[in-house]
Amino acid sequence: MNMERESLMSFPAFHRHWAPLLTGYLRAQTADGRWVEDVARESMLAARCGWGELVTCEKPGVWLFRIATTLLRRWQAKAREQCTSLDEMACAGPDGLMAAVRSLPRRQREAVALRCLLEFPMPDVAEILDESEAAAAVHVERARRRLAGMVRPAEVDA
């Protein structure tokens, strides 16, 4: 990504480039907007605090999305501990593809959002999710199959 390198010219340029992509990725992971904003803000704060390391990083986007994915997992785990039912966590979200993506199991949801929505190369998806490239590819493929089953019937009825 040439734009990725240009985003390292300054932190404001980095923020302008990556914040919308990061927010979109996080929205694909959860319908709870509070988490999206908080995790995005904390991820950007980590980037700002680690700016000296980040500017020398070969793949700053991978670094940022790995931080955000880890933070979101922690927030979700904490929320599950505090909820008596998973239904209490669910927010009524918009119909369509994003709702279908949110309904996927966590690993599939993360992998398909990174690969298909944000178009990260498969090696980067694997690095962000801290797993092998083969495992990440399996998650993407399973997610695609599930999504195809969820979305196509609705399109036929329309």
N, C-alpha and C. Protein backbone atom coordinates (compact mmCIF):
# COMPACT_ATOMS: atom_id res chain seq x y z
N MET A 1 0.83 -1.19 0.00
CA MET A 1 0.00 0.00 0.00
C MET A 1 0.87 1.24 0.00
N ASN A 2 0.88 1.97 -1.08
CA ASN A 2 1.63 3.21 -1.15
C ASN A 2 1.06 4.23 -0.18
N MET A 3 -0.27 4.27 -0.12
CA MET A 3 -0.95 5.21 0.78
C MET A 3 -0.58 4.90 2.23
N GLU A 4 -0.35 3.62 2.52
CA GLU A 4 0.02 3.23 3.88
C GLU A 4 1.34 3.88 4.28
N ARG A 5 2.31 3.89 3.38
CA ARG A 5 3.60 4.52 3.65
C ARG A 5 3.44 6.02 3.83
N GLU A 6 2.62 6.64 2.98
CA GLU A 6 2.39 8.09 3.06
C GLU A 6 1.71 8.46 4.37
N SER A 7 0.92 7.53 4.91
CA SER A 7 0.22 7.83 6.16
C SER A 7 1.18 7.96 7.34
N LEU A 8 2.42 7.55 7.16
CA LEU A 8 3.40 7.63 8.24
C LEU A 8 4.18 8.95 8.25
N MET A 9 3.80 9.87 7.39
CA MET A 9 4.48 11.15 7.34
C MET A 9 4.30 11.91 8.65
N SER A 10 3.13 11.77 9.26
CA SER A 10 2.85 12.41 10.54
C SER A 10 1.71 11.63 11.19
N PHE A 11 1.56 11.81 12.49
CA PHE A 11 0.46 11.12 13.15
C PHE A 11 -0.90 11.59 12.63
N PRO A 12 -1.12 12.90 12.42
CA PRO A 12 -2.41 13.32 11.86
C PRO A 12 -2.71 12.65 10.50
N ALA A 13 -1.70 12.50 9.65
CA ALA A 13 -1.91 11.83 8.36
C ALA A 13 -2.24 10.35 8.58
N PHE A 14 -1.55 9.74 9.52
CA PHE A 14 -1.82 8.34 9.87
C PHE A 14 -3.27 8.20 10.35
N HIS A 15 -3.68 9.08 11.23
CA HIS A 15 -5.03 9.04 11.78
C HIS A 15 -6.07 9.23 10.68
N ARG A 16 -5.87 10.22 9.81
CA ARG A 16 -6.81 10.47 8.72
C ARG A 16 -6.96 9.26 7.81
N HIS A 17 -5.86 8.57 7.55
CA HIS A 17 -5.91 7.41 6.65
C HIS A 17 -6.55 6.19 7.32
N TRP A 18 -6.12 5.88 8.54
CA TRP A 18 -6.50 4.62 9.16
C TRP A 18 -7.77 4.66 9.99
N ALA A 19 -8.14 5.79 10.58
CA ALA A 19 -9.31 5.84 11.47
C ALA A 19 -10.59 5.39 10.79
N PRO A 20 -10.92 5.84 9.58
CA PRO A 20 -12.17 5.37 8.96
C PRO A 20 -12.15 3.86 8.67
N LEU A 21 -11.00 3.35 8.24
CA LEU A 21 -10.89 1.91 7.97
C LEU A 21 -11.03 1.10 9.25
N LEU A 22 -10.39 1.57 10.30
CA LEU A 22 -10.45 0.89 11.58
C LEU A 22 -11.86 0.90 12.14
N THR A 23 -12.52 2.05 12.07
CA THR A 23 -13.89 2.16 12.57
C THR A 23 -14.82 1.23 11.79
N GLY A 24 -14.66 1.18 10.48
CA GLY A 24 -15.49 0.27 9.67
C GLY A 24 -15.27 -1.18 10.04
N TYR A 25 -14.02 -1.56 10.26
CA TYR A 25 -13.70 -2.93 10.68
C TYR A 25 -14.35 -3.25 12.02
N LEU A 26 -14.24 -2.33 12.96
CA LEU A 26 -14.82 -2.56 14.29
C LEU A 26 -16.34 -2.63 14.24
N ARG A 27 -16.96 -1.81 13.40
CA ARG A 27 -18.42 -1.86 13.25
C ARG A 27 -18.88 -3.21 12.68
N ALA A 28 -18.03 -3.82 11.86
CA ALA A 28 -18.36 -5.15 11.32
C ALA A 28 -18.27 -6.22 12.41
N GLN A 29 -17.58 -5.90 13.50
CA GLN A 29 -17.38 -6.88 14.57
C GLN A 29 -18.46 -6.82 15.64
N THR A 30 -19.06 -5.66 15.85
CA THR A 30 -20.04 -5.52 16.92
C THR A 30 -21.05 -4.43 16.57
N ALA A 31 -22.26 -4.63 17.01
CA ALA A 31 -23.31 -3.63 16.78
C ALA A 31 -23.29 -2.54 17.86
N ASP A 32 -22.51 -2.73 18.90
CA ASP A 32 -22.47 -1.77 20.00
C ASP A 32 -21.51 -0.63 19.66
N GLY A 33 -22.07 0.50 19.27
CA GLY A 33 -21.29 1.65 18.84
C GLY A 33 -20.35 2.19 19.90
N ARG A 34 -20.70 1.99 21.17
CA ARG A 34 -19.82 2.48 22.25
C ARG A 34 -18.47 1.78 22.18
N TRP A 35 -18.49 0.48 21.92
CA TRP A 35 -17.24 -0.27 21.83
C TRP A 35 -16.43 0.18 20.65
N VAL A 36 -17.10 0.43 19.54
CA VAL A 36 -16.40 0.85 18.33
C VAL A 36 -15.60 2.11 18.60
N GLU A 37 -16.26 3.11 19.13
CA GLU A 37 -15.58 4.39 19.38
C GLU A 37 -14.47 4.25 20.42
N ASP A 38 -14.74 3.53 21.50
CA ASP A 38 -13.74 3.38 22.55
C ASP A 38 -12.53 2.59 22.08
N VAL A 39 -12.76 1.48 21.38
CA VAL A 39 -11.65 0.65 20.90
C VAL A 39 -10.85 1.41 19.84
N ALA A 40 -11.53 2.11 18.95
CA ALA A 40 -10.83 2.89 17.93
C ALA A 40 -9.96 3.97 18.59
N ARG A 41 -10.53 4.64 19.57
CA ARG A 41 -9.79 5.71 20.28
C ARG A 41 -8.58 5.11 21.02
N GLU A 42 -8.78 4.00 21.72
CA GLU A 42 -7.66 3.38 22.45
C GLU A 42 -6.59 2.87 21.50
N SER A 43 -7.00 2.35 20.35
CA SER A 43 -6.03 1.86 19.37
C SER A 43 -5.19 3.00 18.81
N MET A 44 -5.86 4.12 18.51
CA MET A 44 -5.14 5.29 18.01
C MET A 44 -4.23 5.89 19.08
N LEU A 45 -4.68 5.84 20.33
CA LEU A 45 -3.84 6.31 21.43
C LEU A 45 -2.58 5.44 21.54
N ALA A 46 -2.75 4.14 21.39
CA ALA A 46 -1.59 3.23 21.42
C ALA A 46 -0.65 3.56 20.26
N ALA A 47 -1.23 3.87 19.10
CA ALA A 47 -0.40 4.24 17.95
C ALA A 47 0.37 5.53 18.24
N ARG A 48 -0.30 6.49 18.84
CA ARG A 48 0.36 7.76 19.16
C ARG A 48 1.47 7.56 20.18
N CYS A 49 1.18 6.76 21.19
CA CYS A 49 2.19 6.50 22.24
C CYS A 49 3.37 5.70 21.69
N GLY A 50 3.10 4.83 20.74
CA GLY A 50 4.16 4.01 20.15
C GLY A 50 4.63 4.52 18.80
N TRP A 51 4.43 5.81 18.54
CA TRP A 51 4.72 6.39 17.23
C TRP A 51 6.16 6.14 16.80
N GLY A 52 7.11 6.24 17.72
CA GLY A 52 8.51 6.02 17.38
C GLY A 52 8.75 4.63 16.81
N GLU A 53 8.07 3.64 17.37
CA GLU A 53 8.17 2.26 16.87
C GLU A 53 7.36 2.10 15.59
N LEU A 54 6.22 2.71 15.55
CA LEU A 54 5.29 2.54 14.43
C LEU A 54 5.84 3.09 13.12
N VAL A 55 6.56 4.21 13.16
CA VAL A 55 7.08 4.79 11.92
C VAL A 55 8.15 3.92 11.29
N THR A 56 8.75 3.04 12.06
CA THR A 56 9.75 2.12 11.51
C THR A 56 9.15 0.77 11.15
N CYS A 57 7.90 0.58 11.46
CA CYS A 57 7.21 -0.69 11.22
C CYS A 57 6.97 -0.87 9.72
N GLU A 58 7.20 -2.08 9.23
CA GLU A 58 7.00 -2.37 7.81
C GLU A 58 5.52 -2.30 7.42
N LYS A 59 4.64 -2.74 8.31
CA LYS A 59 3.20 -2.78 8.03
C LYS A 59 2.44 -2.12 9.17
N PRO A 60 2.36 -0.80 9.18
CA PRO A 60 1.70 -0.11 10.28
C PRO A 60 0.21 -0.45 10.39
N GLY A 61 -0.45 -0.74 9.28
CA GLY A 61 -1.87 -1.12 9.31
C GLY A 61 -2.07 -2.42 10.06
N VAL A 62 -1.17 -3.37 9.82
CA VAL A 62 -1.25 -4.66 10.52
C VAL A 62 -1.07 -4.42 12.01
N TRP A 63 -0.11 -3.59 12.37
CA TRP A 63 0.14 -3.28 13.78
C TRP A 63 -1.12 -2.71 14.42
N LEU A 64 -1.73 -1.71 13.77
CA LEU A 64 -2.90 -1.04 14.31
C LEU A 64 -4.09 -2.00 14.45
N PHE A 65 -4.36 -2.79 13.42
CA PHE A 65 -5.51 -3.69 13.45
C PHE A 65 -5.30 -4.84 14.44
N ARG A 66 -4.06 -5.23 14.65
CA ARG A 66 -3.80 -6.26 15.66
C ARG A 66 -4.11 -5.72 17.06
N ILE A 67 -3.70 -4.49 17.32
CA ILE A 67 -4.00 -3.85 18.60
C ILE A 67 -5.51 -3.75 18.78
N ALA A 68 -6.22 -3.25 17.77
CA ALA A 68 -7.67 -3.06 17.86
C ALA A 68 -8.40 -4.39 18.05
N THR A 69 -7.97 -5.42 17.34
CA THR A 69 -8.61 -6.74 17.47
C THR A 69 -8.44 -7.28 18.88
N THR A 70 -7.25 -7.13 19.43
CA THR A 70 -6.99 -7.59 20.79
C THR A 70 -7.84 -6.81 21.80
N LEU A 71 -7.89 -5.49 21.65
CA LEU A 71 -8.70 -4.68 22.57
C LEU A 71 -10.17 -5.04 22.49
N LEU A 72 -10.70 -5.21 21.28
CA LEU A 72 -12.11 -5.54 21.14
C LEU A 72 -12.41 -6.89 21.77
N ARG A 73 -11.54 -7.86 21.58
CA ARG A 73 -11.75 -9.18 22.21
C ARG A 73 -11.81 -9.06 23.72
N ARG A 74 -10.94 -8.23 24.29
CA ARG A 74 -10.94 -8.03 25.75
C ARG A 74 -12.25 -7.39 26.21
N TRP A 75 -12.71 -6.36 25.49
CA TRP A 75 -13.95 -5.68 25.86
C TRP A 75 -15.12 -6.65 25.77
N GLN A 76 -15.15 -7.46 24.72
CA GLN A 76 -16.25 -8.40 24.56
C GLN A 76 -16.23 -9.47 25.65
N ALA A 77 -15.05 -9.94 26.01
CA ALA A 77 -14.94 -10.94 27.06
C ALA A 77 -15.42 -10.36 28.39
N LYS A 78 -15.04 -9.12 28.66
CA LYS A 78 -15.47 -8.46 29.89
C LYS A 78 -16.99 -8.30 29.91
N ALA A 79 -17.57 -7.92 28.78
CA ALA A 79 -19.02 -7.75 28.70
C ALA A 79 -19.74 -9.08 28.91
N ARG A 80 -19.19 -10.15 28.35
CA ARG A 80 -19.81 -11.47 28.54
C ARG A 80 -19.80 -11.87 30.01
N GLU A 81 -18.74 -11.52 30.72
CA GLU A 81 -18.67 -11.82 32.14
C GLU A 81 -19.74 -11.07 32.92
N GLN A 82 -20.06 -9.85 32.48
CA GLN A 82 -21.00 -9.01 33.20
C GLN A 82 -22.45 -9.27 32.83
N CYS A 83 -22.68 -9.94 31.69
CA CYS A 83 -24.04 -10.19 31.24
C CYS A 83 -24.54 -11.53 31.76
N THR A 84 -25.81 -11.59 32.10
CA THR A 84 -26.39 -12.87 32.50
C THR A 84 -26.84 -13.66 31.28
N SER A 85 -26.96 -12.98 30.15
CA SER A 85 -27.38 -13.64 28.92
C SER A 85 -26.72 -12.96 27.74
N LEU A 86 -26.33 -13.75 26.74
CA LEU A 86 -25.76 -13.16 25.54
C LEU A 86 -26.78 -12.28 24.83
N ASP A 87 -28.07 -12.57 25.03
CA ASP A 87 -29.10 -11.75 24.41
C ASP A 87 -29.04 -10.31 24.91
N GLU A 88 -28.59 -10.11 26.14
CA GLU A 88 -28.49 -8.76 26.68
C GLU A 88 -27.43 -7.95 25.95
N MET A 89 -26.44 -8.63 25.37
CA MET A 89 -25.37 -7.94 24.65
C MET A 89 -25.81 -7.51 23.26
N ALA A 90 -26.76 -8.23 22.69
CA ALA A 90 -27.13 -7.97 21.30
C ALA A 90 -27.89 -6.66 21.19
N CYS A 91 -27.52 -5.88 20.23
CA CYS A 91 -28.24 -4.65 19.92
C CYS A 91 -28.93 -4.87 18.59
N ALA A 92 -30.10 -4.34 18.43
CA ALA A 92 -30.78 -4.48 17.16
C ALA A 92 -30.02 -3.68 16.13
N GLY A 93 -29.45 -4.36 15.15
CA GLY A 93 -28.65 -3.69 14.14
C GLY A 93 -29.39 -3.66 12.82
N PRO A 94 -28.85 -2.93 11.86
CA PRO A 94 -29.49 -2.85 10.55
C PRO A 94 -29.44 -4.20 9.85
N ASP A 95 -30.45 -4.45 9.02
CA ASP A 95 -30.47 -5.68 8.23
C ASP A 95 -29.38 -5.60 7.17
N GLY A 96 -29.07 -6.72 6.59
CA GLY A 96 -28.13 -6.72 5.48
C GLY A 96 -26.83 -7.40 5.80
N LEU A 97 -25.87 -7.08 4.99
CA LEU A 97 -24.58 -7.76 5.06
C LEU A 97 -23.87 -7.55 6.40
N MET A 98 -23.85 -6.34 6.92
CA MET A 98 -23.14 -6.11 8.18
C MET A 98 -23.77 -6.89 9.33
N ALA A 99 -25.08 -6.99 9.36
CA ALA A 99 -25.74 -7.79 10.38
C ALA A 99 -25.36 -9.26 10.21
N ALA A 100 -25.29 -9.71 8.96
CA ALA A 100 -24.90 -11.10 8.70
C ALA A 100 -23.46 -11.34 9.14
N VAL A 101 -22.57 -10.40 8.86
CA VAL A 101 -21.17 -10.52 9.28
C VAL A 101 -21.09 -10.59 10.80
N ARG A 102 -21.86 -9.73 11.48
CA ARG A 102 -21.83 -9.73 12.95
C ARG A 102 -22.32 -11.03 13.55
N SER A 103 -23.14 -11.76 12.83
CA SER A 103 -23.69 -13.01 13.37
C SER A 103 -22.72 -14.19 13.24
N LEU A 104 -21.63 -14.01 12.52
CA LEU A 104 -20.65 -15.09 12.35
C LEU A 104 -19.89 -15.34 13.65
N PRO A 105 -19.34 -16.53 13.80
CA PRO A 105 -18.43 -16.77 14.93
C PRO A 105 -17.26 -15.78 14.88
N ARG A 106 -16.72 -15.46 16.03
CA ARG A 106 -15.71 -14.39 16.16
C ARG A 106 -14.56 -14.52 15.16
N ARG A 107 -13.91 -15.66 15.08
CA ARG A 107 -12.74 -15.80 14.19
C ARG A 107 -13.13 -15.61 12.73
N GLN A 108 -14.26 -16.16 12.34
CA GLN A 108 -14.72 -15.99 10.96
C GLN A 108 -15.05 -14.53 10.68
N ARG A 109 -15.72 -13.89 11.63
CA ARG A 109 -16.10 -12.48 11.48
C ARG A 109 -14.87 -11.60 11.31
N GLU A 110 -13.86 -11.81 12.16
CA GLU A 110 -12.64 -11.02 12.08
C GLU A 110 -11.93 -11.25 10.75
N ALA A 111 -11.78 -12.52 10.37
CA ALA A 111 -11.04 -12.86 9.16
C ALA A 111 -11.71 -12.31 7.90
N VAL A 112 -13.02 -12.49 7.79
CA VAL A 112 -13.71 -12.03 6.57
C VAL A 112 -13.75 -10.50 6.50
N ALA A 113 -13.85 -9.83 7.62
CA ALA A 113 -13.84 -8.36 7.61
C ALA A 113 -12.47 -7.85 7.15
N LEU A 114 -11.41 -8.44 7.67
CA LEU A 114 -10.06 -8.00 7.28
C LEU A 114 -9.76 -8.31 5.82
N ARG A 115 -10.12 -9.51 5.38
CA ARG A 115 -9.78 -9.95 4.02
C ARG A 115 -10.72 -9.36 2.97
N CYS A 116 -12.01 -9.46 3.19
CA CYS A 116 -12.97 -9.11 2.15
C CYS A 116 -13.45 -7.67 2.21
N LEU A 117 -13.61 -7.12 3.38
CA LEU A 117 -14.08 -5.74 3.49
C LEU A 117 -12.92 -4.75 3.40
N LEU A 118 -11.80 -5.07 4.05
CA LEU A 118 -10.66 -4.15 4.06
C LEU A 118 -9.56 -4.55 3.07
N GLU A 119 -9.69 -5.73 2.48
CA GLU A 119 -8.78 -6.22 1.44
C GLU A 119 -7.32 -6.34 1.90
N PHE A 120 -7.10 -6.73 3.16
CA PHE A 120 -5.76 -7.03 3.61
C PHE A 120 -5.32 -8.32 2.93
N PRO A 121 -4.04 -8.45 2.54
CA PRO A 121 -3.54 -9.72 2.00
C PRO A 121 -3.62 -10.80 3.07
N MET A 122 -3.77 -12.05 2.63
CA MET A 122 -3.94 -13.15 3.58
C MET A 122 -2.80 -13.25 4.61
N PRO A 123 -1.53 -13.03 4.23
CA PRO A 123 -0.48 -13.08 5.26
C PRO A 123 -0.70 -12.02 6.36
N ASP A 124 -1.20 -10.86 5.98
CA ASP A 124 -1.47 -9.81 6.97
C ASP A 124 -2.66 -10.18 7.86
N VAL A 125 -3.68 -10.77 7.27
CA VAL A 125 -4.83 -11.24 8.07
C VAL A 125 -4.35 -12.22 9.12
N ALA A 126 -3.51 -13.17 8.70
CA ALA A 126 -2.98 -14.17 9.63
C ALA A 126 -2.17 -13.51 10.75
N GLU A 127 -1.37 -12.51 10.38
CA GLU A 127 -0.55 -11.83 11.38
C GLU A 127 -1.41 -11.05 12.37
N ILE A 128 -2.43 -10.35 11.88
CA ILE A 128 -3.32 -9.58 12.75
C ILE A 128 -4.02 -10.51 13.73
N LEU A 129 -4.48 -11.67 13.23
CA LEU A 129 -5.23 -12.60 14.08
C LEU A 129 -4.32 -13.54 14.87
N ASP A 130 -3.02 -13.43 14.66
CA ASP A 130 -2.04 -14.24 15.37
C ASP A 130 -2.29 -15.74 15.16
N GLU A 131 -2.42 -16.11 13.90
CA GLU A 131 -2.57 -17.51 13.56
C GLU A 131 -1.91 -17.77 12.21
N SER A 132 -1.85 -19.05 11.81
CA SER A 132 -1.20 -19.39 10.55
C SER A 132 -2.02 -18.88 9.38
N GLU A 133 -1.35 -18.73 8.25
CA GLU A 133 -2.05 -18.27 7.05
C GLU A 133 -3.12 -19.28 6.62
N ALA A 134 -2.82 -20.57 6.78
CA ALA A 134 -3.80 -21.60 6.42
C ALA A 134 -5.05 -21.51 7.30
N ALA A 135 -4.85 -21.29 8.59
CA ALA A 135 -5.99 -21.18 9.50
C ALA A 135 -6.83 -19.95 9.16
N ALA A 136 -6.17 -18.84 8.86
CA ALA A 136 -6.90 -17.62 8.49
C ALA A 136 -7.69 -17.84 7.21
N ALA A 137 -7.10 -18.54 6.25
CA ALA A 137 -7.79 -18.83 4.99
C ALA A 137 -9.03 -19.70 5.22
N VAL A 138 -8.92 -20.65 6.13
CA VAL A 138 -10.06 -21.50 6.46
C VAL A 138 -11.18 -20.66 7.06
N HIS A 139 -10.85 -19.75 7.96
CA HIS A 139 -11.86 -18.88 8.57
C HIS A 139 -12.56 -18.02 7.51
N VAL A 140 -11.80 -17.48 6.57
CA VAL A 140 -12.38 -16.66 5.51
C VAL A 140 -13.31 -17.51 4.65
N GLU A 141 -12.86 -18.68 4.26
CA GLU A 141 -13.68 -19.54 3.40
C GLU A 141 -14.98 -19.97 4.11
N ARG A 142 -14.88 -20.36 5.35
CA ARG A 142 -16.09 -20.75 6.10
C ARG A 142 -17.05 -19.57 6.24
N ALA A 143 -16.50 -18.40 6.49
CA ALA A 143 -17.34 -17.21 6.62
C ALA A 143 -18.04 -16.90 5.30
N ARG A 144 -17.31 -17.00 4.20
CA ARG A 144 -17.92 -16.74 2.89
C ARG A 144 -19.07 -17.70 2.62
N ARG A 145 -18.86 -18.97 2.94
CA ARG A 145 -19.93 -19.97 2.72
C ARG A 145 -21.15 -19.65 3.56
N ARG A 146 -20.91 -19.32 4.82
CA ARG A 146 -22.04 -18.98 5.71
C ARG A 146 -22.77 -17.74 5.22
N LEU A 147 -22.02 -16.73 4.86
CA LEU A 147 -22.63 -15.49 4.39
C LEU A 147 -23.43 -15.71 3.11
N ALA A 148 -22.91 -16.53 2.22
CA ALA A 148 -23.63 -16.83 0.98
C ALA A 148 -24.97 -17.47 1.29
N GLY A 149 -25.00 -18.35 2.28
CA GLY A 149 -26.25 -18.99 2.68
C GLY A 149 -27.22 -18.03 3.35
N MET A 150 -26.69 -17.03 4.04
CA MET A 150 -27.55 -16.06 4.74
C MET A 150 -28.10 -15.00 3.80
N VAL A 151 -27.26 -14.52 2.90
CA VAL A 151 -27.63 -13.37 2.07
C VAL A 151 -28.44 -13.78 0.84
N ARG A 152 -28.08 -14.86 0.18
CA ARG A 152 -28.79 -15.24 -1.05
C ARG A 152 -30.28 -15.48 -0.87
N PRO A 153 -30.73 -16.21 0.17
CA PRO A 153 -32.18 -16.39 0.30
C PRO A 153 -32.93 -15.07 0.41
N ALA A 154 -32.36 -14.09 1.10
CA ALA A 154 -33.02 -12.79 1.25
C ALA A 154 -33.10 -12.08 -0.11
N GLU A 155 -32.06 -12.24 -0.95
CA GLU A 155 -32.06 -11.59 -2.25
C GLU A 155 -33.11 -12.21 -3.17
N VAL A 156 -33.33 -13.52 -3.05
CA VAL A 156 -34.32 -14.21 -3.88
C VAL A 156 -35.72 -13.72 -3.55
N ASP A 157 -35.99 -13.49 -2.25
CA ASP A 157 -37.33 -13.04 -1.82
C ASP A 157 -37.61 -11.61 -2.28
N ALA A 158 -36.57 -10.80 -2.41
CA ALA A 158 -36.76 -9.37 -2.72
C ALA A 158 -37.21 -9.14 -4.14
